[in-house]
Amino acid sequence: MEIYNNWQEEKRSAYLYQIMADHEKNILHKKLFLDLKDAAENQAKTWENKINNPNFNFIYQPDLRTRLVVLLISWLGTENLHYMLSAMKIRGMSVFTQYHSEHRHTGVNSASNLRAAVFGINDGLISNLGLILGVAGASSNPHTIVLAGVSGLLAGAFSMGGGEYVSVLSQREVFEYQIALEKQELEEYPEEEKKELSLIYEARGLKKEEADQLAKLLIDNPETGLNTLAREELGLNPDDLVSPTGAAIASFFSFGLGAFIPLLPFIISHSSSNLIISIVITAVSLFVIGGILSLFTNRHPLVSGMRMLLIGAITGSVTFIIGRFIGITF
């Protein structure tokens, strides 16, 4: 029932806004979240009126996913979860733009690296399980399987870490160069920059007087002006300037952790059922990772988990068949 889903979504938003306000130290941010909570409650009331069923139970009960997000808010803080919360249609996350702008050069962007870590674990699980199954299809020698698994873990972890470092560093260098040029232009001819920004706002539907006033207000504050110009003129998000070292470390260890899981049974024992155990624990891990990824995509955890499990099953089956064919042929 679509109306019920809309009601539940607004009640979930109101519930999360209250939690965010309870953990917020900035008084202005706290007020914003409480105001947004009231707005969400009012919107929920609108959906209640449309349901128009006296027997309907209008008591909201947070689901497991929402409770997990609440736990993460208490651990990491709202500002480090703004991507995840935005995916859940939580508004007001732009108030943390300045926070990340001030800290992006001195620390690791927790939200970006958390997301990279989850994807890294998933990549490690799927790729090393595929490698282990491929080798197992060609040879039943446990030493060969362990050697292949360890080699895949190390090669994949270093490849992921190095690739992530180069990718983020290259993106950061491009962004920093373009932003530096914009900063120089802002310092040398601010009036021209105001006119350009005003024209952009006019093109978006503002009246000329309103566009001029807004552009002046933003440009007169150097930091705000530079961030605004980067977004509006260059299409760049200053928050994307994450630490390449932090991203590389997160990718390295997360891939290594994921790749270690299907290898674990072969390391701790020499049982003939190690391959089955490896498949089972990897399947469970893939399902859990898929459920965690739903926090960033706003999909149902079961759907996301089953999709990840299906991808792993296809990958493992294909590599095992290929390995078996190569083993028989040679």
C-alpha atoms as a PDB file:
ATOM      1  CA  MET A   1       0.000   0.000   0.000  1.00  0.00           C
ATOM      2  CA  GLU A   2       1.705   3.116  -1.276  1.00  0.00           C
ATOM      3  CA  ILE A   3       0.014   5.511   1.154  1.00  0.00           C
ATOM      4  CA  TYR A   4       1.084   3.373   4.100  1.00  0.00           C
ATOM      5  CA  ASN A   5       4.654   3.271   2.784  1.00  0.00           C
ATOM      6  CA  ASN A   6       4.665   7.064   2.510  1.00  0.00           C
ATOM      7  CA  TRP A   7       3.352   7.381   6.062  1.00  0.00           C
ATOM      8  CA  GLN A   8       5.951   4.959   7.359  1.00  0.00           C
ATOM      9  CA  GLU A   9       8.748   6.804   5.544  1.00  0.00           C
ATOM     10  CA  GLU A  10       7.747  10.136   7.090  1.00  0.00           C
ATOM     11  CA  LYS A  11       7.499   8.577  10.551  1.00  0.00           C
ATOM     12  CA  ARG A  12      10.921   7.013  10.069  1.00  0.00           C
ATOM     13  CA  SER A  13      12.323  10.415   9.093  1.00  0.00           C
ATOM     14  CA  ALA A  14      10.775  12.050  12.158  1.00  0.00           C
ATOM     15  CA  TYR A  15      12.200   9.307  14.371  1.00  0.00           C
ATOM     16  CA  LEU A  16      15.704   9.729  12.919  1.00  0.00           C
ATOM     17  CA  TYR A  17      15.552  13.536  13.129  1.00  0.00           C
ATOM     18  CA  GLN A  18      14.866  13.222  16.860  1.00  0.00           C
ATOM     19  CA  ILE A  19      17.824  10.861  17.296  1.00  0.00           C
ATOM     20  CA  MET A  20      20.052  13.191  15.287  1.00  0.00           C
ATOM     21  CA  ALA A  21      18.959  16.162  17.408  1.00  0.00           C
ATOM     22  CA  ASP A  22      19.627  14.217  20.608  1.00  0.00           C
ATOM     23  CA  HIS A  23      23.234  13.551  19.513  1.00  0.00           C
ATOM     24  CA  GLU A  24      23.884  16.981  17.999  1.00  0.00           C
ATOM     25  CA  LYS A  25      26.046  19.458  19.940  1.00  0.00           C
ATOM     26  CA  ASN A  26      25.657  22.372  17.534  1.00  0.00           C
ATOM     27  CA  ILE A  27      22.579  24.273  18.716  1.00  0.00           C
ATOM     28  CA  LEU A  28      21.705  25.487  15.206  1.00  0.00           C
ATOM     29  CA  HIS A  29      21.916  21.985  13.776  1.00  0.00           C
ATOM     30  CA  LYS A  30      19.829  20.665  16.666  1.00  0.00           C
ATOM     31  CA  LYS A  31      17.133  23.256  15.968  1.00  0.00           C
ATOM     32  CA  LEU A  32      17.172  22.378  12.261  1.00  0.00           C
ATOM     33  CA  PHE A  33      16.662  18.672  12.957  1.00  0.00           C
ATOM     34  CA  LEU A  34      13.851  19.345  15.419  1.00  0.00           C
ATOM     35  CA  ASP A  35      12.135  21.614  12.879  1.00  0.00           C
ATOM     36  CA  LEU A  36      12.539  18.936  10.214  1.00  0.00           C
ATOM     37  CA  LYS A  37      11.091  16.407  12.642  1.00  0.00           C
ATOM     38  CA  ASP A  38       7.977  18.574  13.078  1.00  0.00           C
ATOM     39  CA  ALA A  39       7.674  18.915   9.296  1.00  0.00           C
ATOM     40  CA  ALA A  40       7.935  15.141   8.846  1.00  0.00           C
ATOM     41  CA  GLU A  41       5.308  14.583  11.550  1.00  0.00           C
ATOM     42  CA  ASN A  42       2.953  16.992   9.766  1.00  0.00           C
ATOM     43  CA  GLN A  43       3.497  15.184   6.471  1.00  0.00           C
ATOM     44  CA  ALA A  44       2.821  11.878   8.208  1.00  0.00           C
ATOM     45  CA  LYS A  45      -0.453  13.340   9.487  1.00  0.00           C
ATOM     46  CA  THR A  46      -1.398  14.136   5.904  1.00  0.00           C
ATOM     47  CA  TRP A  47      -0.918  10.501   4.925  1.00  0.00           C
ATOM     48  CA  GLU A  48      -2.849   9.374   8.028  1.00  0.00           C
ATOM     49  CA  ASN A  49      -5.823  11.411   6.860  1.00  0.00           C
ATOM     50  CA  LYS A  50      -5.617   9.837   3.414  1.00  0.00           C
ATOM     51  CA  ILE A  51      -5.552   6.329   4.860  1.00  0.00           C
ATOM     52  CA  ASN A  52      -8.809   7.166   6.655  1.00  0.00           C
ATOM     53  CA  ASN A  53      -9.103   3.834   8.462  1.00  0.00           C
ATOM     54  CA  PRO A  54     -10.175   3.978  12.141  1.00  0.00           C
ATOM     55  CA  ASN A  55      -8.841   0.452  12.721  1.00  0.00           C
ATOM     56  CA  PHE A  56      -5.390   1.297  11.427  1.00  0.00           C
ATOM     57  CA  ASN A  57      -2.580   1.232  13.988  1.00  0.00           C
ATOM     58  CA  PHE A  58      -0.704   4.537  13.667  1.00  0.00           C
ATOM     59  CA  ILE A  59       2.134   3.525  16.007  1.00  0.00           C
ATOM     60  CA  TYR A  60       5.526   3.588  14.306  1.00  0.00           C
ATOM     61  CA  GLN A  61       7.958   0.775  15.086  1.00  0.00           C
ATOM     62  CA  PRO A  62      11.487   1.233  13.664  1.00  0.00           C
ATOM     63  CA  ASP A  63      12.742  -1.734  11.674  1.00  0.00           C
ATOM     64  CA  LEU A  64      16.138  -3.409  12.056  1.00  0.00           C
ATOM     65  CA  ARG A  65      17.748  -1.230   9.409  1.00  0.00           C
ATOM     66  CA  THR A  66      16.632   1.984  11.113  1.00  0.00           C
ATOM     67  CA  ARG A  67      17.849   0.723  14.483  1.00  0.00           C
ATOM     68  CA  LEU A  68      21.240  -0.040  12.926  1.00  0.00           C
ATOM     69  CA  VAL A  69      21.444   3.523  11.563  1.00  0.00           C
ATOM     70  CA  VAL A  70      20.568   4.858  15.021  1.00  0.00           C
ATOM     71  CA  LEU A  71      23.412   2.789  16.474  1.00  0.00           C
ATOM     72  CA  LEU A  72      25.820   4.162  13.854  1.00  0.00           C
ATOM     73  CA  ILE A  73      24.718   7.724  14.648  1.00  0.00           C
ATOM     74  CA  SER A  74      25.566   7.175  18.305  1.00  0.00           C
ATOM     75  CA  TRP A  75      28.976   5.734  17.357  1.00  0.00           C
ATOM     76  CA  LEU A  76      30.077   7.901  14.430  1.00  0.00           C
ATOM     77  CA  GLY A  77      27.910  11.004  14.634  1.00  0.00           C
ATOM     78  CA  THR A  78      25.475  12.359  12.069  1.00  0.00           C
ATOM     79  CA  GLU A  79      28.107  14.317  10.133  1.00  0.00           C
ATOM     80  CA  ASN A  80      29.983  11.112   9.212  1.00  0.00           C
ATOM     81  CA  LEU A  81      26.839   9.408   7.919  1.00  0.00           C
ATOM     82  CA  HIS A  82      25.417  12.154   5.731  1.00  0.00           C
ATOM     83  CA  TYR A  83      25.658  10.056   2.510  1.00  0.00           C
ATOM     84  CA  MET A  84      23.856   7.166   4.148  1.00  0.00           C
ATOM     85  CA  LEU A  85      21.198   9.408   5.680  1.00  0.00           C
ATOM     86  CA  SER A  86      20.684  11.241   2.390  1.00  0.00           C
ATOM     87  CA  ALA A  87      19.968   7.881   0.737  1.00  0.00           C
ATOM     88  CA  MET A  88      17.217   7.417   3.342  1.00  0.00           C
ATOM     89  CA  LYS A  89      15.680  10.768   2.281  1.00  0.00           C
ATOM     90  CA  ILE A  90      16.892  12.569   5.391  1.00  0.00           C
ATOM     91  CA  ARG A  91      17.177  16.282   4.617  1.00  0.00           C
ATOM     92  CA  GLY A  92      19.445  18.993   5.976  1.00  0.00           C
ATOM     93  CA  MET A  93      22.707  17.092   5.414  1.00  0.00           C
ATOM     94  CA  SER A  94      24.187  20.083   3.564  1.00  0.00           C
ATOM     95  CA  VAL A  95      24.822  21.752   6.960  1.00  0.00           C
ATOM     96  CA  PHE A  96      27.811  19.443   7.305  1.00  0.00           C
ATOM     97  CA  THR A  97      29.446  20.641   4.084  1.00  0.00           C
ATOM     98  CA  GLN A  98      31.574  23.161   5.957  1.00  0.00           C
ATOM     99  CA  TYR A  99      32.569  20.537   8.515  1.00  0.00           C
ATOM    100  CA  HIS A 100      33.964  18.243   5.847  1.00  0.00           C
ATOM    101  CA  SER A 101      35.525  21.151   3.970  1.00  0.00           C
ATOM    102  CA  GLU A 102      37.500  22.094   7.086  1.00  0.00           C
ATOM    103  CA  HIS A 103      38.634  18.535   7.838  1.00  0.00           C
ATOM    104  CA  ARG A 104      39.233  17.035   4.416  1.00  0.00           C
ATOM    105  CA  HIS A 105      42.974  17.873   4.439  1.00  0.00           C
ATOM    106  CA  THR A 106      43.659  16.644   7.969  1.00  0.00           C
ATOM    107  CA  GLY A 107      41.769  13.416   8.259  1.00  0.00           C
ATOM    108  CA  VAL A 108      39.963  10.630   6.528  1.00  0.00           C
ATOM    109  CA  ASN A 109      36.447  11.186   5.238  1.00  0.00           C
ATOM    110  CA  SER A 110      34.695   8.574   7.372  1.00  0.00           C
ATOM    111  CA  ALA A 111      31.596   8.259   5.213  1.00  0.00           C
ATOM    112  CA  SER A 112      33.510   7.780   1.955  1.00  0.00           C
ATOM    113  CA  ASN A 113      35.954   5.295   3.460  1.00  0.00           C
ATOM    114  CA  LEU A 114      33.186   3.382   5.213  1.00  0.00           C
ATOM    115  CA  ARG A 115      31.471   2.951   1.873  1.00  0.00           C
ATOM    116  CA  ALA A 116      34.781   2.026   0.164  1.00  0.00           C
ATOM    117  CA  ALA A 117      35.477  -0.523   2.914  1.00  0.00           C
ATOM    118  CA  VAL A 118      32.120  -2.239   2.434  1.00  0.00           C
ATOM    119  CA  PHE A 119      32.643  -2.489  -1.319  1.00  0.00           C
ATOM    120  CA  GLY A 120      36.225  -3.667  -0.748  1.00  0.00           C
ATOM    121  CA  ILE A 121      35.099  -6.533   1.482  1.00  0.00           C
ATOM    122  CA  ASN A 122      32.521  -7.506  -1.110  1.00  0.00           C
ATOM    123  CA  ASP A 123      35.123  -7.489  -3.916  1.00  0.00           C
ATOM    124  CA  GLY A 124      37.489  -9.596  -1.813  1.00  0.00           C
ATOM    125  CA  LEU A 125      34.796 -12.145  -1.043  1.00  0.00           C
ATOM    126  CA  ILE A 126      33.680 -12.620  -4.632  1.00  0.00           C
ATOM    127  CA  SER A 127      37.081 -12.524  -6.334  1.00  0.00           C
ATOM    128  CA  ASN A 128      38.915 -14.859  -3.939  1.00  0.00           C
ATOM    129  CA  LEU A 129      36.022 -17.293  -3.724  1.00  0.00           C
ATOM    130  CA  GLY A 130      36.031 -17.421  -7.514  1.00  0.00           C
ATOM    131  CA  LEU A 131      39.793 -18.015  -7.529  1.00  0.00           C
ATOM    132  CA  ILE A 132      39.589 -20.747  -4.872  1.00  0.00           C
ATOM    133  CA  LEU A 133      36.721 -22.499  -6.654  1.00  0.00           C
ATOM    134  CA  GLY A 134      38.533 -22.264  -9.972  1.00  0.00           C
ATOM    135  CA  VAL A 135      41.660 -23.859  -8.528  1.00  0.00           C
ATOM    136  CA  ALA A 136      39.589 -26.433  -6.611  1.00  0.00           C
ATOM    137  CA  GLY A 137      37.882 -27.378  -9.866  1.00  0.00           C
ATOM    138  CA  ALA A 138      41.268 -28.081 -11.444  1.00  0.00           C
ATOM    139  CA  SER A 139      43.039 -29.624  -8.434  1.00  0.00           C
ATOM    140  CA  SER A 140      41.950 -31.063  -5.085  1.00  0.00           C
ATOM    141  CA  ASN A 141      45.378 -30.478  -3.511  1.00  0.00           C
ATOM    142  CA  PRO A 142      44.723 -28.314  -0.402  1.00  0.00           C
ATOM    143  CA  HIS A 143      48.226 -26.802  -0.505  1.00  0.00           C
ATOM    144  CA  THR A 144      47.616 -25.574  -4.052  1.00  0.00           C
ATOM    145  CA  ILE A 145      44.290 -24.067  -3.015  1.00  0.00           C
ATOM    146  CA  VAL A 146      45.833 -22.264  -0.021  1.00  0.00           C
ATOM    147  CA  LEU A 147      48.718 -20.978  -2.143  1.00  0.00           C
ATOM    148  CA  ALA A 148      46.300 -19.670  -4.753  1.00  0.00           C
ATOM    149  CA  GLY A 149      44.051 -18.106  -2.115  1.00  0.00           C
ATOM    150  CA  VAL A 150      46.896 -16.329  -0.324  1.00  0.00           C
ATOM    151  CA  SER A 151      48.320 -15.118  -3.632  1.00  0.00           C
ATOM    152  CA  GLY A 152      44.905 -13.819  -4.673  1.00  0.00           C
ATOM    153  CA  LEU A 153      44.459 -12.076  -1.330  1.00  0.00           C
ATOM    154  CA  LEU A 154      47.812 -10.292  -1.473  1.00  0.00           C
ATOM    155  CA  ALA A 155      47.662  -9.428  -5.155  1.00  0.00           C
ATOM    156  CA  GLY A 156      44.108  -8.189  -4.925  1.00  0.00           C
ATOM    157  CA  ALA A 157      44.670  -6.168  -1.738  1.00  0.00           C
ATOM    158  CA  PHE A 158      47.757  -4.403  -3.110  1.00  0.00           C
ATOM    159  CA  SER A 159      46.052  -3.847  -6.441  1.00  0.00           C
ATOM    160  CA  MET A 160      42.944  -2.392  -4.793  1.00  0.00           C
ATOM    161  CA  GLY A 161      44.952  -0.197  -2.434  1.00  0.00           C
ATOM    162  CA  GLY A 162      47.295   1.079  -5.128  1.00  0.00           C
ATOM    163  CA  GLY A 163      44.509   1.619  -7.638  1.00  0.00           C
ATOM    164  CA  GLU A 164      42.380   3.496  -5.106  1.00  0.00           C
ATOM    165  CA  TYR A 165      45.334   5.689  -4.118  1.00  0.00           C
ATOM    166  CA  VAL A 166      46.139   6.655  -7.709  1.00  0.00           C
ATOM    167  CA  SER A 167      42.475   7.200  -8.564  1.00  0.00           C
ATOM    168  CA  VAL A 168      41.696   9.416  -5.561  1.00  0.00           C
ATOM    169  CA  LEU A 169      45.007  11.280  -5.822  1.00  0.00           C
ATOM    170  CA  SER A 170      44.440  12.034  -9.508  1.00  0.00           C
ATOM    171  CA  GLN A 171      40.905  13.240  -8.850  1.00  0.00           C
ATOM    172  CA  ARG A 172      42.094  15.344  -5.939  1.00  0.00           C
ATOM    173  CA  GLU A 173      44.893  16.948  -7.972  1.00  0.00           C
ATOM    174  CA  VAL A 174      42.471  17.885 -10.757  1.00  0.00           C
ATOM    175  CA  PHE A 175      39.981  19.319  -8.279  1.00  0.00           C
ATOM    176  CA  GLU A 176      42.625  21.241  -6.347  1.00  0.00           C
ATOM    177  CA  TYR A 177      44.069  22.716  -9.548  1.00  0.00           C
ATOM    178  CA  GLN A 178      40.682  23.871 -10.811  1.00  0.00           C
ATOM    179  CA  ILE A 179      39.662  25.245  -7.415  1.00  0.00           C
ATOM    180  CA  ALA A 180      42.999  27.064  -7.112  1.00  0.00           C
ATOM    181  CA  LEU A 181      42.364  28.756 -10.463  1.00  0.00           C
ATOM    182  CA  GLU A 182      38.881  29.733  -9.329  1.00  0.00           C
ATOM    183  CA  LYS A 183      40.312  31.140  -6.080  1.00  0.00           C
ATOM    184  CA  GLN A 184      42.803  33.248  -8.026  1.00  0.00           C
ATOM    185  CA  GLU A 185      40.067  34.611 -10.269  1.00  0.00           C
ATOM    186  CA  LEU A 186      37.912  35.368  -7.229  1.00  0.00           C
ATOM    187  CA  GLU A 187      40.738  37.354  -5.660  1.00  0.00           C
ATOM    188  CA  GLU A 188      41.628  39.289  -8.822  1.00  0.00           C
ATOM    189  CA  TYR A 189      38.173  40.201 -10.137  1.00  0.00           C
ATOM    190  CA  PRO A 190      35.383  39.398  -7.650  1.00  0.00           C
ATOM    191  CA  GLU A 191      32.852  41.644  -9.395  1.00  0.00           C
ATOM    192  CA  GLU A 192      33.058  39.594 -12.600  1.00  0.00           C
ATOM    193  CA  GLU A 193      32.615  36.413 -10.556  1.00  0.00           C
ATOM    194  CA  LYS A 194      29.513  37.913  -8.947  1.00  0.00           C
ATOM    195  CA  LYS A 195      28.078  38.643 -12.386  1.00  0.00           C
ATOM    196  CA  GLU A 196      28.769  35.108 -13.600  1.00  0.00           C
ATOM    197  CA  LEU A 197      27.181  33.591 -10.490  1.00  0.00           C
ATOM    198  CA  SER A 198      24.219  35.925 -10.796  1.00  0.00           C
ATOM    199  CA  LEU A 199      23.685  34.828 -14.410  1.00  0.00           C
ATOM    200  CA  ILE A 200      23.632  31.192 -13.299  1.00  0.00           C
ATOM    201  CA  TYR A 201      20.948  31.928 -10.705  1.00  0.00           C
ATOM    202  CA  GLU A 202      18.957  33.933 -13.252  1.00  0.00           C
ATOM    203  CA  ALA A 203      19.063  30.942 -15.589  1.00  0.00           C
ATOM    204  CA  ARG A 204      17.578  28.889 -12.765  1.00  0.00           C
ATOM    205  CA  GLY A 205      14.578  31.172 -12.507  1.00  0.00           C
ATOM    206  CA  LEU A 206      15.522  33.871 -10.003  1.00  0.00           C
ATOM    207  CA  LYS A 207      14.765  37.486 -10.788  1.00  0.00           C
ATOM    208  CA  LYS A 208      17.784  39.617 -11.650  1.00  0.00           C
ATOM    209  CA  GLU A 209      17.611  41.600  -8.411  1.00  0.00           C
ATOM    210  CA  GLU A 210      17.335  38.431  -6.322  1.00  0.00           C
ATOM    211  CA  ALA A 211      20.145  36.733  -8.264  1.00  0.00           C
ATOM    212  CA  ASP A 212      22.419  39.775  -7.827  1.00  0.00           C
ATOM    213  CA  GLN A 213      21.685  39.945  -4.112  1.00  0.00           C
ATOM    214  CA  LEU A 214      22.313  36.229  -3.568  1.00  0.00           C
ATOM    215  CA  ALA A 215      25.531  36.277  -5.608  1.00  0.00           C
ATOM    216  CA  LYS A 216      26.806  39.296  -3.666  1.00  0.00           C
ATOM    217  CA  LEU A 217      25.987  37.663  -0.342  1.00  0.00           C
ATOM    218  CA  LEU A 218      27.894  34.508  -1.276  1.00  0.00           C
ATOM    219  CA  ILE A 219      30.919  36.106  -2.929  1.00  0.00           C
ATOM    220  CA  ASP A 220      31.429  38.622  -0.124  1.00  0.00           C
ATOM    221  CA  ASN A 221      32.290  35.664   2.110  1.00  0.00           C
ATOM    222  CA  PRO A 222      35.540  34.287   0.564  1.00  0.00           C
ATOM    223  CA  GLU A 223      35.190  30.682   1.757  1.00  0.00           C
ATOM    224  CA  THR A 224      31.506  30.415   0.946  1.00  0.00           C
ATOM    225  CA  GLY A 225      32.081  32.167  -2.363  1.00  0.00           C
ATOM    226  CA  LEU A 226      34.829  29.760  -3.413  1.00  0.00           C
ATOM    227  CA  ASN A 227      32.788  26.686  -2.488  1.00  0.00           C
ATOM    228  CA  THR A 228      29.774  28.064  -4.334  1.00  0.00           C
ATOM    229  CA  LEU A 229      31.770  28.886  -7.460  1.00  0.00           C
ATOM    230  CA  ALA A 230      33.339  25.437  -7.434  1.00  0.00           C
ATOM    231  CA  ARG A 231      29.901  23.844  -7.359  1.00  0.00           C
ATOM    232  CA  GLU A 232      28.015  26.195  -9.654  1.00  0.00           C
ATOM    233  CA  GLU A 233      30.628  27.055 -12.294  1.00  0.00           C
ATOM    234  CA  LEU A 234      32.892  24.019 -12.285  1.00  0.00           C
ATOM    235  CA  GLY A 235      30.402  21.370 -11.172  1.00  0.00           C
ATOM    236  CA  LEU A 236      32.854  20.202  -8.503  1.00  0.00           C
ATOM    237  CA  ASN A 237      32.046  19.137  -4.986  1.00  0.00           C
ATOM    238  CA  PRO A 238      34.798  20.208  -2.535  1.00  0.00           C
ATOM    239  CA  ASP A 239      33.671  17.381  -0.229  1.00  0.00           C
ATOM    240  CA  ASP A 240      35.002  14.882  -2.794  1.00  0.00           C
ATOM    241  CA  LEU A 241      38.566  15.843  -1.874  1.00  0.00           C
ATOM    242  CA  VAL A 242      39.036  12.787   0.327  1.00  0.00           C
ATOM    243  CA  SER A 243      42.395  11.531   1.559  1.00  0.00           C
ATOM    244  CA  PRO A 244      44.059   9.216  -1.023  1.00  0.00           C
ATOM    245  CA  THR A 245      46.053   7.531   1.758  1.00  0.00           C
ATOM    246  CA  GLY A 246      42.927   6.886   3.809  1.00  0.00           C
ATOM    247  CA  ALA A 247      41.077   5.526   0.778  1.00  0.00           C
ATOM    248  CA  ALA A 248      44.017   3.251  -0.123  1.00  0.00           C
ATOM    249  CA  ILE A 249      44.328   1.871   3.421  1.00  0.00           C
ATOM    250  CA  ALA A 250      40.583   1.257   3.651  1.00  0.00           C
ATOM    251  CA  SER A 251      40.560  -0.549   0.282  1.00  0.00           C
ATOM    252  CA  PHE A 252      43.655  -2.631   1.115  1.00  0.00           C
ATOM    253  CA  PHE A 253      42.435  -3.955   4.453  1.00  0.00           C
ATOM    254  CA  SER A 254      38.796  -4.327   3.460  1.00  0.00           C
ATOM    255  CA  PHE A 255      39.677  -6.358   0.357  1.00  0.00           C
ATOM    256  CA  GLY A 256      42.110  -8.438   2.419  1.00  0.00           C
ATOM    257  CA  LEU A 257      39.430  -9.120   5.038  1.00  0.00           C
ATOM    258  CA  GLY A 258      36.912 -10.142   2.409  1.00  0.00           C
ATOM    259  CA  ALA A 259      39.421 -12.353   0.581  1.00  0.00           C
ATOM    260  CA  PHE A 260      40.468 -14.029   3.851  1.00  0.00           C
ATOM    261  CA  ILE A 261      36.956 -15.316   4.639  1.00  0.00           C
ATOM    262  CA  PRO A 262      36.705 -18.016   1.887  1.00  0.00           C
ATOM    263  CA  LEU A 263      40.325 -18.995   2.589  1.00  0.00           C
ATOM    264  CA  LEU A 264      39.835 -19.456   6.338  1.00  0.00           C
ATOM    265  CA  PRO A 265      38.621 -23.111   6.379  1.00  0.00           C
ATOM    266  CA  PHE A 266      41.641 -24.264   4.352  1.00  0.00           C
ATOM    267  CA  ILE A 267      44.038 -22.558   6.787  1.00  0.00           C
ATOM    268  CA  ILE A 268      42.616 -23.884  10.057  1.00  0.00           C
ATOM    269  CA  SER A 269      42.020 -27.513   9.020  1.00  0.00           C
ATOM    270  CA  HIS A 270      42.592 -30.145   6.322  1.00  0.00           C
ATOM    271  CA  SER A 271      39.033 -31.461   6.244  1.00  0.00           C
ATOM    272  CA  SER A 272      37.588 -32.836   3.026  1.00  0.00           C
ATOM    273  CA  SER A 273      34.575 -30.582   3.542  1.00  0.00           C
ATOM    274  CA  ASN A 274      36.605 -27.346   3.558  1.00  0.00           C
ATOM    275  CA  LEU A 275      35.320 -26.319   0.132  1.00  0.00           C
ATOM    276  CA  ILE A 276      31.697 -26.659   1.254  1.00  0.00           C
ATOM    277  CA  ILE A 277      32.416 -24.718   4.462  1.00  0.00           C
ATOM    278  CA  SER A 278      34.147 -22.005   2.437  1.00  0.00           C
ATOM    279  CA  ILE A 279      31.152 -21.677   0.128  1.00  0.00           C
ATOM    280  CA  VAL A 280      28.704 -21.509   3.052  1.00  0.00           C
ATOM    281  CA  ILE A 281      30.549 -18.870   5.104  1.00  0.00           C
ATOM    282  CA  THR A 282      31.180 -16.809   1.962  1.00  0.00           C
ATOM    283  CA  ALA A 283      27.510 -17.010   0.998  1.00  0.00           C
ATOM    284  CA  VAL A 284      26.460 -15.830   4.461  1.00  0.00           C
ATOM    285  CA  SER A 285      29.027 -13.019   4.328  1.00  0.00           C
ATOM    286  CA  LEU A 286      27.844 -11.921   0.878  1.00  0.00           C
ATOM    287  CA  PHE A 287      24.255 -11.792   2.079  1.00  0.00           C
ATOM    288  CA  VAL A 288      25.247  -9.715   5.119  1.00  0.00           C
ATOM    289  CA  ILE A 289      27.359  -7.341   2.991  1.00  0.00           C
ATOM    290  CA  GLY A 290      24.459  -6.942   0.587  1.00  0.00           C
ATOM    291  CA  GLY A 291      22.222  -6.025   3.508  1.00  0.00           C
ATOM    292  CA  ILE A 292      24.762  -3.460   4.718  1.00  0.00           C
ATOM    293  CA  LEU A 293      25.008  -1.953   1.226  1.00  0.00           C
ATOM    294  CA  SER A 294      21.267  -1.288   1.379  1.00  0.00           C
ATOM    295  CA  LEU A 295      22.086   1.440   3.921  1.00  0.00           C
ATOM    296  CA  PHE A 296      23.682   3.406   1.090  1.00  0.00           C
ATOM    297  CA  THR A 297      21.176   2.543  -1.648  1.00  0.00           C
ATOM    298  CA  ASN A 298      17.860   2.673   0.261  1.00  0.00           C
ATOM    299  CA  ARG A 299      16.901  -0.751  -1.118  1.00  0.00           C
ATOM    300  CA  HIS A 300      15.338  -3.480   0.990  1.00  0.00           C
ATOM    301  CA  PRO A 301      18.103  -5.413   2.845  1.00  0.00           C
ATOM    302  CA  LEU A 302      16.712  -8.816   1.735  1.00  0.00           C
ATOM    303  CA  VAL A 303      16.672  -7.762  -1.930  1.00  0.00           C
ATOM    304  CA  SER A 304      20.172  -6.339  -1.729  1.00  0.00           C
ATOM    305  CA  GLY A 305      21.449  -9.401   0.141  1.00  0.00           C
ATOM    306  CA  MET A 306      19.916 -11.877  -2.305  1.00  0.00           C
ATOM    307  CA  ARG A 307      21.276  -9.936  -5.263  1.00  0.00           C
ATOM    308  CA  MET A 308      24.794 -10.049  -3.831  1.00  0.00           C
ATOM    309  CA  LEU A 309      24.393 -13.748  -3.077  1.00  0.00           C
ATOM    310  CA  LEU A 310      23.274 -14.395  -6.669  1.00  0.00           C
ATOM    311  CA  ILE A 311      26.288 -12.534  -8.074  1.00  0.00           C
ATOM    312  CA  GLY A 312      28.617 -14.582  -5.896  1.00  0.00           C
ATOM    313  CA  ALA A 313      26.903 -17.833  -6.901  1.00  0.00           C
ATOM    314  CA  ILE A 314      27.243 -17.060 -10.607  1.00  0.00           C
ATOM    315  CA  THR A 315      30.885 -16.035 -10.243  1.00  0.00           C
ATOM    316  CA  GLY A 316      31.793 -19.117  -8.212  1.00  0.00           C
ATOM    317  CA  SER A 317      29.922 -21.535 -10.495  1.00  0.00           C
ATOM    318  CA  VAL A 318      31.488 -20.203 -13.685  1.00  0.00           C
ATOM    319  CA  THR A 319      35.049 -20.232 -12.317  1.00  0.00           C
ATOM    320  CA  PHE A 320      34.605 -23.738 -10.863  1.00  0.00           C
ATOM    321  CA  ILE A 321      33.346 -25.084 -14.211  1.00  0.00           C
ATOM    322  CA  ILE A 322      36.229 -23.430 -16.058  1.00  0.00           C
ATOM    323  CA  GLY A 323      38.725 -24.805 -13.534  1.00  0.00           C
ATOM    324  CA  ARG A 324      37.238 -28.265 -13.827  1.00  0.00           C
ATOM    325  CA  PHE A 325      37.444 -28.117 -17.624  1.00  0.00           C
ATOM    326  CA  ILE A 326      41.083 -26.988 -17.522  1.00  0.00           C
ATOM    327  CA  GLY A 327      41.949 -29.664 -14.948  1.00  0.00           C
ATOM    328  CA  ILE A 328      40.430 -32.436 -17.079  1.00  0.00           C
ATOM    329  CA  THR A 329      41.980 -31.110 -20.286  1.00  0.00           C
ATOM    330  CA  PHE A 330      45.528 -30.797 -18.950  1.00  0.00           C
END
